[in-house]
Amino acid sequence: MKKAKQILALLTVILIVGFILATFVMAFLDFPNKENIFFTCVLCVIILPIIAWVLMWIIGAVTGRKNVASYRTKEMEETMKKADEIRFQQALNTEITEDET
């Protein structure tokens, strides 16, 4: 899995660099449909990192592992665990109260 992530990251960097270079070429050269190709390259430079981040975030969420796209800090994790414990205790108390009535 680690190797696949590294390959995906390297491929993304290569594509972004390629689109940046293509954007500069489109800006200075003159040929048909220059504007369309230029704006496509600019959009790809913006969209590719977002897609890569979303994929890393999804992989982290599915596997339960932290990665660079994880948004939870250690403090947030501890707070979430405490909140889960409180909810669990409240659920138990509710069940006990319902059983008594």
Protein backbone atom coordinates (compact mmCIF):
# COMPACT_ATOMS: atom_id res chain seq x y z
CA MET A 1 0.00 0.00 0.00
CA LYS A 2 2.85 2.35 0.85
CA LYS A 3 4.43 1.76 -2.56
CA ALA A 4 1.10 2.51 -4.29
CA LYS A 5 0.80 5.80 -2.39
CA GLN A 6 4.34 6.76 -3.34
CA ILE A 7 3.69 5.98 -7.00
CA LEU A 8 0.43 7.97 -6.90
CA ALA A 9 2.21 10.91 -5.27
CA LEU A 10 5.06 10.81 -7.79
CA LEU A 11 2.65 10.56 -10.71
CA THR A 12 0.66 13.52 -9.36
CA VAL A 13 3.81 15.64 -8.99
CA ILE A 14 4.92 14.74 -12.52
CA LEU A 15 1.49 15.63 -13.92
CA ILE A 16 1.39 18.94 -12.04
CA VAL A 17 4.88 19.89 -13.23
CA GLY A 18 3.90 18.89 -16.77
CA PHE A 19 0.76 21.00 -16.66
CA ILE A 20 2.70 23.97 -15.25
CA LEU A 21 5.22 23.70 -18.08
CA ALA A 22 2.41 23.32 -20.62
CA THR A 23 0.73 26.41 -19.13
CA PHE A 24 3.89 28.47 -19.66
CA VAL A 25 4.29 27.14 -23.21
CA MET A 26 0.66 27.97 -23.99
CA ALA A 27 1.12 31.47 -22.61
CA PHE A 28 4.00 32.32 -24.94
CA LEU A 29 3.34 30.34 -28.13
CA ASP A 30 0.62 31.03 -30.64
CA PHE A 31 -1.40 28.23 -32.22
CA PRO A 32 -5.08 27.26 -32.63
CA ASN A 33 -7.20 26.71 -29.51
CA LYS A 34 -4.45 28.20 -27.37
CA GLU A 35 -6.93 29.69 -24.89
CA ASN A 36 -8.80 26.43 -24.32
CA ILE A 37 -5.62 24.45 -23.76
CA PHE A 38 -4.20 27.16 -21.49
CA PHE A 39 -7.28 27.24 -19.24
CA THR A 40 -7.42 23.43 -19.19
CA CYS A 41 -3.82 23.33 -17.96
CA VAL A 42 -4.52 25.96 -15.30
CA LEU A 43 -7.58 24.03 -14.08
CA CYS A 44 -5.59 20.78 -13.95
CA VAL A 45 -2.87 22.47 -11.88
CA ILE A 46 -5.58 23.49 -9.40
CA ILE A 47 -7.70 20.32 -9.47
CA LEU A 48 -5.01 17.59 -9.42
CA PRO A 49 -3.68 18.39 -5.93
CA ILE A 50 -7.23 18.55 -4.61
CA ILE A 51 -8.04 15.15 -6.09
CA ALA A 52 -4.80 13.69 -4.69
CA TRP A 53 -5.59 15.06 -1.23
CA VAL A 54 -9.14 13.69 -1.32
CA LEU A 55 -7.86 10.25 -2.37
CA MET A 56 -5.30 10.23 0.46
CA TRP A 57 -7.98 11.35 2.90
CA ILE A 58 -10.34 8.59 1.76
CA ILE A 59 -7.60 5.96 2.00
CA GLY A 60 -6.79 7.17 5.52
CA ALA A 61 -10.44 7.15 6.53
CA VAL A 62 -11.06 3.67 5.15
CA THR A 63 -7.91 2.12 6.65
CA GLY A 64 -8.14 4.08 9.89
CA ARG A 65 -4.56 5.28 9.59
CA LYS A 66 -3.35 8.84 9.88
CA ASN A 67 -1.64 10.45 6.91
CA VAL A 68 -0.86 13.94 5.65
CA ALA A 69 -4.51 14.43 4.75
CA SER A 70 -5.75 13.54 8.24
CA TYR A 71 -7.42 16.44 9.92
CA ARG A 72 -7.54 15.10 13.47
CA THR A 73 -4.82 15.98 15.94
CA LYS A 74 -3.93 13.91 18.99
CA GLU A 75 -5.98 16.24 21.21
CA MET A 76 -8.95 15.89 18.91
CA GLU A 77 -8.65 12.09 19.05
CA GLU A 78 -8.62 12.15 22.86
CA THR A 79 -11.65 14.45 22.92
CA MET A 80 -13.49 12.17 20.50
CA LYS A 81 -12.75 9.12 22.69
CA LYS A 82 -14.03 10.92 25.78
CA ALA A 83 -17.17 11.98 23.93
CA ASP A 84 -17.75 8.39 22.80
CA GLU A 85 -17.35 7.15 26.37
CA ILE A 86 -19.86 9.75 27.62
CA ARG A 87 -22.36 8.79 24.91
CA PHE A 88 -21.91 5.12 25.79
CA GLN A 89 -22.53 5.81 29.48
CA GLN A 90 -25.60 7.90 28.64
CA ALA A 91 -26.93 5.10 26.44
CA LEU A 92 -26.44 2.61 29.27
CA ASN A 93 -28.18 4.92 31.73
CA THR A 94 -31.09 5.37 29.31
CA GLU A 95 -31.44 1.60 28.89
CA ILE A 96 -31.40 1.05 32.65
CA THR A 97 -34.01 3.76 33.19
CA GLU A 98 -36.27 2.31 30.45
CA ASP A 99 -35.98 -1.19 31.93
CA GLU A 100 -37.03 0.04 35.37
CA THR A 101 -40.23 1.65 34.08
